[in-house]
Every structure is written in structure tokens, then in C-alpha cells.
Amino acid sequence: MQPLKKRIQTLRSEVEQAKAALDFAALEQELAALDERLNQPEIWHNPDEAQALAKKAASLRQTVEPWQTLSVQLMDIAELMELGDDDLLPEFEAQVVALEQEFTQRKTDLLFSGPYDNREAVVRISAGVGGLDAQDFAAMLERMYLRWAEKSGMKADTLERSTNDDAGIKTAVLEISGPFAYGKLRSENGVHRLVRLSPFNADNLRQTSFALVEVLPKIDTPDEIAIDPNDLRIDVYRSGGKGGQGVNTTDSAVRVTHVPTGITVAIQNERSQIQNKETALKILRSKLLAMKLEQHAETLSDLRAGESANWGSQIRNYVLHPYTLVKDTRTKHENRNAQGVLDGDIDGFMTAYLRESRG
């Protein structure tokens, strides 16, 4: 039984070291403070604030509780083994193997070291060069991220979606919530390239198309990124609904431009002009924060126009013909099951990127 005891001791030590690296005590204190605030009746006088706090607490709980459970289970099995019942050895062995596997899964939390990694993520997908194929590819990527979110236990909401009458989408904006949503999805930021036999070409020729994926950390409060109102240009234009019905066509669409950087965000999903403006400003703040991180800028005034995520070289190739392969150009991680990747199996690419980023 000694080797098994040694494994448990080693595992307990590694778990405690991992928790120290995560500053786990601070995470527990933050969760306790959030729960205490949510238990105060007056917090619910402001439903928006209460819901934001509840969302934050739920996300933090998904990080904290698995580590707490792992620690308790290790302590319990160590105490049981002290009783020295050899008949239970096979059962202990199976439990230790399961705990070792759980720890391997939990260790990916250590890869998230960015200040915004545990934030919700705003994912904006835009069709690029390639006509209908590019718009169809953008829709394929949208589906890929929605499937990934579903498999990962994440919550996904569509903030904006601009479709094409023939096929695919022009743009889509998703908000994805869950533990380390931004930390995981930031590996997807950049240009994606698809090579396949075009279903929109009468001759069924091979077609290359592109889509841009922008991944932004969600801003919790406007104070985090304070924008000078004088730096904004806000345009209102006509929003068209399905079917061309007059009742679905209103002057509610909003385009917000940050003049110093040239960043523009247009939203028309909501019927209310106020709601569209609020959503556009949220996304604009997230884009400005992402620019600050990319450019290592101290303030918004230090940002340089035109240096955000752009149509530079692609980060990932999706080849469906003449062979099937998805390969990341940065990490060289690849997966020959291209359909599986497009069905949401992208964790391998995310982990490879995080490990590469950590050196």
C-alpha cells in the first residue's frame, strides 16, 4: 500500500502548489464576498447590478468548487488509507487514478495568467475575401464556436447577426460566458482560411476564402474604459427586418465610431435605438481594451489607429480538399478530423496556444 500512499501524498502536494499559483485563497475570498453581497436584500433593488454580480459569482464558482472538491476527496482517501484495510486497495487505486485524471484537467487553469482571462468573451466573426464561400465560412465558424460553448458548458448569446439572402453571414457577434471564457477563446483571434470545393461554384472548383475572428474581453462596467464623449461619433440609420415589412423597419440601428482610432461598431439587432447604442458601446469598450493589451498602451490616448486585429496573415488553415487537415500556423498544432474541429473540437488548439504563450 506504500506506493499508493506515496502517490496520494505527491498528488496532494501538487494540488496545493497549483492552488498557490492560482492565488486560490483570493479566489475563495472573492466568491465569499460576492455571495455575501448577493444575500443582502437591498442589492436586488438594482436588478441589473444584481444580475451582473450573480453572473460573476456563478463563473467564479465554476473555477473554485472543482478545486475545493478535489482537495476534500484527496484528504478523505488519505484518511481512509490510514486505516490500512488491504481489501480496499483496488477501490483506492481506481479512486486515485480518477483524481490524478481530474488534476490533469484542472491544471489547465494554470495556463490562464492574463488579467482578463477569467472574463466573459465577445466574439465577432466577419466574412472576408471569397464572396458567398467566405460568408458561408463565417457561418461555419459561428456554428463551431456555438458548438464548442455547448460542449464546454458555456453560455452563448447572439448580440448581432447580419445574414445574407443566399448563404452564410456577413457578421455575427457572440457573447460567451463561463470559466476563463476569454482566456480560452483569445487563441481564436485572427484570420481563418478555408480551402474546399465550392458548393456555390457551378464547376465545383476549389475555392479559398477567409473570415476574421475578433475575440475581446467583456467590460463589466463603463468605468474600466472611460471614453471621452467628444471622441465618439454616433450615427442612426434604418434597420431592416425580415420580410421587408414596414413594422420591422425602423430608425433604430446605431453605428458608433471612436474617432481617434477609427474603430466602428454597428448594431441593429434590437428594436430599441437605446439598446442598440448600449450594446455598441459595450463592444467598443471591449475593442479598445483589446487594443490597449495588443499595443501595451497606458491610456486610450496612447492608442495608435489601425493597429488592432486586421486582415494580415492567417492564424489557422482549414483544408477540406484535396485532403482534410486543420492546422494552426502559430503553434503548428493540427487535427486531421476537420469535421470534428468544425463541430467544436477546438480545445487542442486552445491549449497549444496557451502553452506556447506561456513559453
Protein backbone atom coordinates (compact mmCIF):
# COMPACT_ATOMS: atom_id res chain seq x y z
CA MET A 1 0.00 0.00 0.00
CA GLN A 2 3.01 2.27 0.44
CA PRO A 3 3.42 3.21 -3.28
CA LEU A 4 -0.26 4.25 -3.41
CA LYS A 5 0.17 6.33 -0.24
CA LYS A 6 3.16 7.99 -1.83
CA ARG A 7 1.14 8.84 -4.94
CA ILE A 8 -1.57 10.42 -2.82
CA GLN A 9 0.99 12.47 -0.88
CA THR A 10 2.58 13.63 -4.13
CA LEU A 11 -0.79 14.50 -5.64
CA ARG A 12 -1.86 16.46 -2.56
CA SER A 13 1.39 18.40 -2.67
CA GLU A 14 0.97 19.18 -6.38
CA VAL A 15 -2.63 20.28 -5.85
CA GLU A 16 -1.59 22.68 -3.08
CA GLN A 17 1.21 24.09 -5.26
CA ALA A 18 -1.25 24.59 -8.13
CA LYS A 19 -3.73 26.35 -5.83
CA ALA A 20 -0.95 28.63 -4.60
CA ALA A 21 -0.06 29.50 -8.20
CA LEU A 22 -3.72 30.32 -8.84
CA ASP A 23 -3.85 32.51 -5.72
CA PHE A 24 -6.75 30.25 -4.77
CA ALA A 25 -7.30 31.82 -1.34
CA ALA A 26 -8.01 35.16 -3.03
CA LEU A 27 -10.49 33.48 -5.40
CA GLU A 28 -12.30 31.90 -2.44
CA GLN A 29 -12.44 35.26 -0.64
CA GLU A 30 -13.77 36.99 -3.75
CA LEU A 31 -16.51 34.37 -4.15
CA ALA A 32 -17.45 34.61 -0.47
CA ALA A 33 -17.66 38.41 -0.76
CA LEU A 34 -19.88 38.15 -3.85
CA ASP A 35 -22.18 35.64 -2.14
CA GLU A 36 -22.42 37.92 0.90
CA ARG A 37 -23.42 40.88 -1.28
CA LEU A 38 -25.99 38.78 -3.14
CA ASN A 39 -27.52 37.72 0.17
CA GLN A 40 -28.27 41.36 1.03
CA PRO A 41 -31.93 42.12 0.12
CA GLU A 42 -31.15 45.70 -0.97
CA ILE A 43 -28.87 44.52 -3.80
CA TRP A 44 -31.96 43.36 -5.68
CA HIS A 45 -33.34 46.92 -5.75
CA ASN A 46 -30.99 47.29 -8.72
CA PRO A 47 -31.74 44.17 -10.84
CA ASP A 48 -29.06 44.90 -13.45
CA GLU A 49 -26.29 45.14 -10.84
CA ALA A 50 -27.60 42.07 -9.00
CA GLN A 51 -27.69 40.00 -12.20
CA ALA A 52 -24.17 41.10 -13.13
CA LEU A 53 -22.90 40.08 -9.68
CA ALA A 54 -24.78 36.76 -9.81
CA LYS A 55 -23.27 36.03 -13.24
CA LYS A 56 -19.78 36.83 -11.97
CA ALA A 57 -20.28 34.65 -8.88
CA ALA A 58 -21.54 31.73 -10.98
CA SER A 59 -18.50 31.94 -13.26
CA LEU A 60 -16.10 32.15 -10.30
CA ARG A 61 -17.86 29.23 -8.58
CA GLN A 62 -17.20 27.04 -11.63
CA THR A 63 -13.49 27.67 -11.08
CA VAL A 64 -13.37 27.45 -7.28
CA GLU A 65 -15.61 24.49 -6.46
CA PRO A 66 -13.82 21.79 -8.55
CA TRP A 67 -10.52 22.59 -6.76
CA GLN A 68 -12.27 22.52 -3.39
CA THR A 69 -13.84 19.15 -4.20
CA LEU A 70 -10.51 17.73 -5.39
CA SER A 71 -8.78 18.77 -2.14
CA VAL A 72 -11.54 17.26 0.02
CA GLN A 73 -11.56 13.97 -1.91
CA LEU A 74 -7.77 13.65 -1.56
CA MET A 75 -7.97 14.30 2.18
CA ASP A 76 -10.76 11.74 2.57
CA ILE A 77 -8.93 8.98 0.70
CA ALA A 78 -5.71 9.69 2.63
CA GLU A 79 -7.59 9.29 5.92
CA LEU A 80 -9.28 6.08 4.77
CA MET A 81 -5.96 4.58 3.71
CA GLU A 82 -4.56 5.24 7.19
CA LEU A 83 -7.00 2.57 8.39
CA GLY A 84 -4.85 0.11 6.43
CA ASP A 85 -7.56 -2.18 5.01
CA ASP A 86 -5.80 -4.11 2.19
CA ASP A 87 -9.14 -5.42 0.87
CA LEU A 88 -9.97 -1.88 -0.25
CA LEU A 89 -6.73 -1.48 -2.21
CA PRO A 90 -8.30 -1.99 -5.70
CA GLU A 91 -11.00 0.57 -4.86
CA PHE A 92 -8.40 3.07 -3.62
CA GLU A 93 -6.33 2.52 -6.76
CA ALA A 94 -9.31 3.35 -9.00
CA GLN A 95 -10.11 6.46 -6.96
CA VAL A 96 -6.52 7.72 -7.09
CA VAL A 97 -6.38 7.22 -10.88
CA ALA A 98 -9.62 9.21 -11.22
CA LEU A 99 -8.25 12.01 -9.00
CA GLU A 100 -5.00 12.12 -10.99
CA GLN A 101 -7.01 12.49 -14.19
CA GLU A 102 -9.13 15.22 -12.61
CA PHE A 103 -5.98 17.07 -11.55
CA THR A 104 -4.61 16.86 -15.10
CA GLN A 105 -7.80 18.53 -16.33
CA ARG A 106 -7.74 21.18 -13.60
CA LYS A 107 -4.09 22.03 -14.32
CA THR A 108 -5.13 23.84 -17.50
CA ASP A 109 -6.38 26.60 -15.16
CA LEU A 110 -2.70 27.38 -14.50
CA LEU A 111 -2.26 28.44 -18.13
CA PHE A 112 -4.52 31.46 -17.63
CA SER A 113 -2.31 34.25 -16.39
CA GLY A 114 -3.74 37.27 -18.22
CA PRO A 115 -5.56 39.92 -16.18
CA TYR A 116 -8.77 39.41 -18.19
CA ASP A 117 -8.58 35.65 -18.80
CA ASN A 118 -11.49 34.89 -16.47
CA ARG A 119 -13.76 37.42 -18.17
CA GLU A 120 -16.62 36.69 -20.50
CA ALA A 121 -15.68 36.92 -24.16
CA VAL A 122 -17.15 38.90 -27.03
CA VAL A 123 -16.51 37.09 -30.32
CA ARG A 124 -17.03 38.98 -33.58
CA ILE A 125 -16.93 36.98 -36.83
CA SER A 126 -16.71 38.80 -40.19
CA ALA A 127 -16.74 37.32 -43.69
CA GLY A 128 -13.74 38.34 -45.79
CA VAL A 129 -12.47 37.65 -49.30
CA GLY A 130 -14.26 34.83 -51.07
CA GLY A 131 -17.81 36.00 -51.78
CA LEU A 132 -20.53 33.51 -50.83
CA ASP A 133 -17.90 30.98 -49.78
CA ALA A 134 -16.48 33.45 -47.25
CA GLN A 135 -19.94 34.22 -45.88
CA ASP A 136 -20.69 30.51 -45.62
CA PHE A 137 -17.31 30.01 -43.90
CA ALA A 138 -18.17 32.76 -41.39
CA ALA A 139 -21.40 30.88 -40.61
CA MET A 140 -19.40 27.65 -40.20
CA LEU A 141 -17.12 29.37 -37.67
CA GLU A 142 -20.12 30.80 -35.84
CA ARG A 143 -21.57 27.29 -35.55
CA MET A 144 -18.14 25.95 -34.44
CA TYR A 145 -17.94 28.38 -31.53
CA LEU A 146 -21.56 27.80 -30.53
CA ARG A 147 -20.98 24.03 -30.53
CA TRP A 148 -17.74 24.46 -28.55
CA ALA A 149 -19.56 26.60 -25.99
CA GLU A 150 -22.30 23.99 -25.64
CA LYS A 151 -19.80 21.14 -25.18
CA SER A 152 -17.77 23.19 -22.68
CA GLY A 153 -20.76 24.09 -20.53
CA MET A 154 -20.51 27.73 -21.59
CA LYS A 155 -23.44 30.06 -22.22
CA ALA A 156 -23.58 31.76 -25.62
CA ASP A 157 -25.78 34.72 -26.59
CA THR A 158 -26.02 36.32 -30.03
CA LEU A 159 -25.67 40.11 -29.78
CA GLU A 160 -25.69 40.85 -33.51
CA ARG A 161 -26.15 38.84 -36.70
CA SER A 162 -26.15 40.12 -40.25
CA THR A 163 -27.17 37.42 -42.75
CA ASN A 164 -27.04 37.07 -46.50
CA ASP A 165 -30.10 36.22 -48.57
CA ASP A 166 -28.22 33.49 -50.47
CA ALA A 167 -26.00 31.84 -47.85
CA GLY A 168 -23.99 32.43 -44.71
CA ILE A 169 -23.49 35.58 -42.68
CA LYS A 170 -21.73 38.89 -43.16
CA THR A 171 -21.06 39.36 -39.45
CA ALA A 172 -22.04 37.83 -36.12
CA VAL A 173 -21.26 38.94 -32.58
CA LEU A 174 -21.45 36.37 -29.78
CA GLU A 175 -21.12 36.82 -26.03
CA ILE A 176 -19.75 33.67 -24.38
CA SER A 177 -19.85 33.23 -20.60
CA GLY A 178 -18.13 30.63 -18.43
CA PRO A 179 -14.87 29.94 -16.58
CA PHE A 180 -11.92 31.52 -18.40
CA ALA A 181 -14.08 32.20 -21.48
CA TYR A 182 -11.81 34.97 -22.76
CA GLY A 183 -8.63 33.12 -21.71
CA LYS A 184 -9.63 30.13 -23.82
CA LEU A 185 -11.06 31.96 -26.80
CA ARG A 186 -8.28 34.52 -27.26
CA SER A 187 -6.39 31.80 -29.15
CA GLU A 188 -9.00 32.25 -31.91
CA ASN A 189 -8.28 35.93 -32.55
CA GLY A 190 -7.13 36.47 -36.14
CA VAL A 191 -7.77 35.48 -39.75
CA HIS A 192 -9.03 31.95 -40.54
CA ARG A 193 -8.61 30.45 -44.03
CA LEU A 194 -10.74 27.76 -45.67
CA VAL A 195 -9.82 25.65 -48.73
CA ARG A 196 -12.54 23.41 -50.20
CA LEU A 197 -14.54 22.53 -53.31
CA SER A 198 -17.03 25.38 -53.53
CA PRO A 199 -20.72 24.39 -53.26
CA PHE A 200 -21.54 27.78 -54.86
CA ASN A 201 -19.47 27.22 -57.99
CA ALA A 202 -21.16 25.53 -60.95
CA ASP A 203 -17.90 23.84 -61.89
CA ASN A 204 -17.30 22.72 -58.29
CA LEU A 205 -13.82 24.29 -58.34
CA ARG A 206 -11.51 24.58 -55.37
CA GLN A 207 -12.07 27.87 -53.56
CA THR A 208 -10.08 29.70 -50.89
CA SER A 209 -11.99 32.01 -48.56
CA PHE A 210 -11.27 33.99 -45.41
CA ALA A 211 -13.01 35.10 -42.22
CA LEU A 212 -11.84 37.37 -39.42
CA VAL A 213 -12.45 36.38 -35.79
CA GLU A 214 -12.02 39.11 -33.17
CA VAL A 215 -12.03 37.96 -29.53
CA LEU A 216 -12.49 40.68 -26.93
CA PRO A 217 -12.68 40.63 -23.11
CA LYS A 218 -16.09 41.82 -21.95
CA ILE A 219 -16.07 45.05 -19.95
CA ASP A 220 -18.08 44.71 -16.73
CA THR A 221 -18.54 48.43 -16.03
CA PRO A 222 -18.08 51.56 -18.18
CA ASP A 223 -15.56 52.88 -15.62
CA GLU A 224 -13.00 50.29 -16.75
CA ILE A 225 -12.64 52.01 -20.12
CA ALA A 226 -13.68 55.64 -19.79
CA ILE A 227 -14.31 57.11 -23.23
CA ASP A 228 -14.43 60.86 -23.80
CA PRO A 229 -17.87 61.55 -25.37
CA ASN A 230 -16.17 64.09 -27.65
CA ASP A 231 -14.23 61.20 -29.22
CA LEU A 232 -17.43 59.47 -30.35
CA ARG A 233 -19.47 59.89 -33.49
CA ILE A 234 -22.89 58.25 -33.26
CA ASP A 235 -24.97 57.70 -36.40
CA VAL A 236 -28.52 56.37 -36.50
CA TYR A 237 -29.77 54.66 -39.63
CA ARG A 238 -32.63 52.49 -40.85
CA SER A 239 -32.76 48.93 -39.59
CA GLY A 240 -34.44 46.42 -41.91
CA GLY A 241 -36.32 43.41 -40.60
CA LYS A 242 -37.19 40.10 -42.21
CA GLY A 243 -39.73 40.09 -45.00
CA GLY A 244 -39.43 43.80 -45.71
CA GLN A 245 -42.44 44.58 -43.53
CA GLY A 246 -42.78 48.20 -42.53
CA VAL A 247 -43.30 47.27 -38.91
CA ASN A 248 -39.82 45.69 -38.91
CA THR A 249 -38.10 48.70 -40.49
CA THR A 250 -37.20 51.44 -38.01
CA ASP A 251 -34.57 54.11 -37.48
CA SER A 252 -33.11 52.11 -34.59
CA ALA A 253 -29.80 50.85 -35.96
CA VAL A 254 -26.79 52.57 -34.39
CA ARG A 255 -23.23 53.00 -35.62
CA VAL A 256 -20.68 54.21 -33.05
CA THR A 257 -17.25 55.39 -34.22
CA HIS A 258 -14.30 56.10 -31.95
CA VAL A 259 -12.75 58.92 -33.96
CA PRO A 260 -9.13 58.77 -32.64
CA THR A 261 -8.70 55.07 -33.51
CA GLY A 262 -11.25 54.75 -36.32
CA ILE A 263 -12.93 51.75 -34.65
CA THR A 264 -16.56 51.40 -35.72
CA VAL A 265 -19.27 49.21 -34.19
CA ALA A 266 -22.72 48.91 -35.77
CA ILE A 267 -25.64 47.18 -34.05
CA GLN A 268 -29.20 46.74 -35.32
CA ASN A 269 -30.48 43.57 -33.65
CA GLU A 270 -32.68 45.28 -31.05
CA ARG A 271 -35.86 47.22 -31.87
CA SER A 272 -34.80 49.96 -29.45
CA GLN A 273 -32.26 52.56 -30.52
CA ILE A 274 -31.17 52.92 -26.88
CA GLN A 275 -30.49 49.17 -26.55
CA ASN A 276 -28.53 49.11 -29.81
CA LYS A 277 -26.44 52.09 -28.68
CA GLU A 278 -25.74 50.44 -25.30
CA THR A 279 -24.66 47.17 -26.95
CA ALA A 280 -22.48 49.02 -29.46
CA LEU A 281 -20.75 50.97 -26.67
CA LYS A 282 -20.10 47.74 -24.72
CA ILE A 283 -18.44 46.17 -27.74
CA LEU A 284 -16.50 49.37 -28.49
CA ARG A 285 -15.09 49.41 -24.93
CA SER A 286 -14.05 45.78 -25.32
CA LYS A 287 -12.34 46.53 -28.64
CA LEU A 288 -10.48 49.48 -27.11
CA LEU A 289 -9.36 47.32 -24.19
CA ALA A 290 -8.12 44.66 -26.63
CA MET A 291 -6.17 47.36 -28.48
CA LYS A 292 -4.62 48.54 -25.21
CA LEU A 293 -3.48 44.98 -24.47
CA GLU A 294 -2.08 44.49 -28.01
CA GLN A 295 -0.23 47.80 -28.05
CA HIS A 296 0.78 47.76 -24.36
CA ALA A 297 -0.70 51.24 -24.09
CA GLU A 298 -1.14 53.00 -20.74
CA THR A 299 -4.18 55.08 -21.76
CA LEU A 300 -6.64 55.36 -24.65
CA SER A 301 -4.82 58.47 -25.87
CA ASP A 302 -1.72 56.30 -26.42
CA LEU A 303 -3.53 54.01 -28.89
CA ARG A 304 -2.41 54.07 -32.50
CA ALA A 305 -5.11 53.91 -35.15
CA GLY A 306 -5.25 50.93 -37.49
CA GLU A 307 -3.22 48.56 -35.32
CA SER A 308 -5.96 46.28 -34.00
CA ALA A 309 -6.85 42.81 -35.30
CA ASN A 310 -6.77 43.09 -39.08
CA TRP A 311 -6.60 41.17 -42.32
CA GLY A 312 -2.98 40.15 -42.00
CA SER A 313 -1.65 36.62 -42.37
CA GLN A 314 -3.97 33.83 -41.27
CA ILE A 315 -3.63 32.08 -37.91
CA ARG A 316 -5.32 28.83 -38.97
CA ASN A 317 -5.95 26.87 -42.15
CA TYR A 318 -8.98 24.61 -42.64
CA VAL A 319 -8.33 22.35 -45.63
CA LEU A 320 -11.25 20.18 -46.81
CA HIS A 321 -9.85 19.34 -50.26
CA PRO A 322 -7.79 17.56 -51.62
CA TYR A 323 -7.20 16.23 -48.07
CA THR A 324 -8.63 17.15 -44.66
CA LEU A 325 -6.49 18.99 -42.14
CA VAL A 326 -6.85 21.91 -39.74
CA LYS A 327 -3.51 23.43 -38.78
CA ASP A 328 -2.59 26.41 -36.62
CA THR A 329 0.16 28.48 -38.25
CA ARG A 330 1.47 29.77 -34.88
CA THR A 331 1.74 26.62 -32.78
CA LYS A 332 1.79 24.06 -35.64
CA HIS A 333 -0.89 22.11 -33.74
CA GLU A 334 -3.01 20.16 -36.20
CA ASN A 335 -6.05 17.90 -36.37
CA ARG A 336 -6.88 15.75 -39.39
CA ASN A 337 -10.51 15.41 -38.29
CA ALA A 338 -11.56 18.69 -39.88
CA GLN A 339 -15.27 17.97 -39.45
CA GLY A 340 -14.72 17.32 -35.75
CA VAL A 341 -12.99 20.68 -35.43
CA LEU A 342 -15.85 22.44 -37.24
CA ASP A 343 -18.21 20.65 -34.83
CA GLY A 344 -16.49 22.40 -31.91
CA ASP A 345 -13.47 20.22 -31.10
CA ILE A 346 -11.01 23.13 -30.72
CA ASP A 347 -9.68 22.60 -27.17
CA GLY A 348 -6.43 21.16 -28.52
CA PHE A 349 -5.75 24.38 -30.45
CA MET A 350 -6.57 26.49 -27.40
CA THR A 351 -4.29 24.52 -25.07
CA ALA A 352 -1.41 24.54 -27.58
CA TYR A 353 -1.72 28.32 -27.93
CA LEU A 354 -1.81 28.86 -24.15
CA ARG A 355 1.25 26.68 -23.63
CA GLU A 356 3.09 28.48 -26.41
CA SER A 357 2.14 31.84 -24.91
CA ARG A 358 3.45 30.76 -21.52
CA GLY A 359 6.71 29.65 -23.12
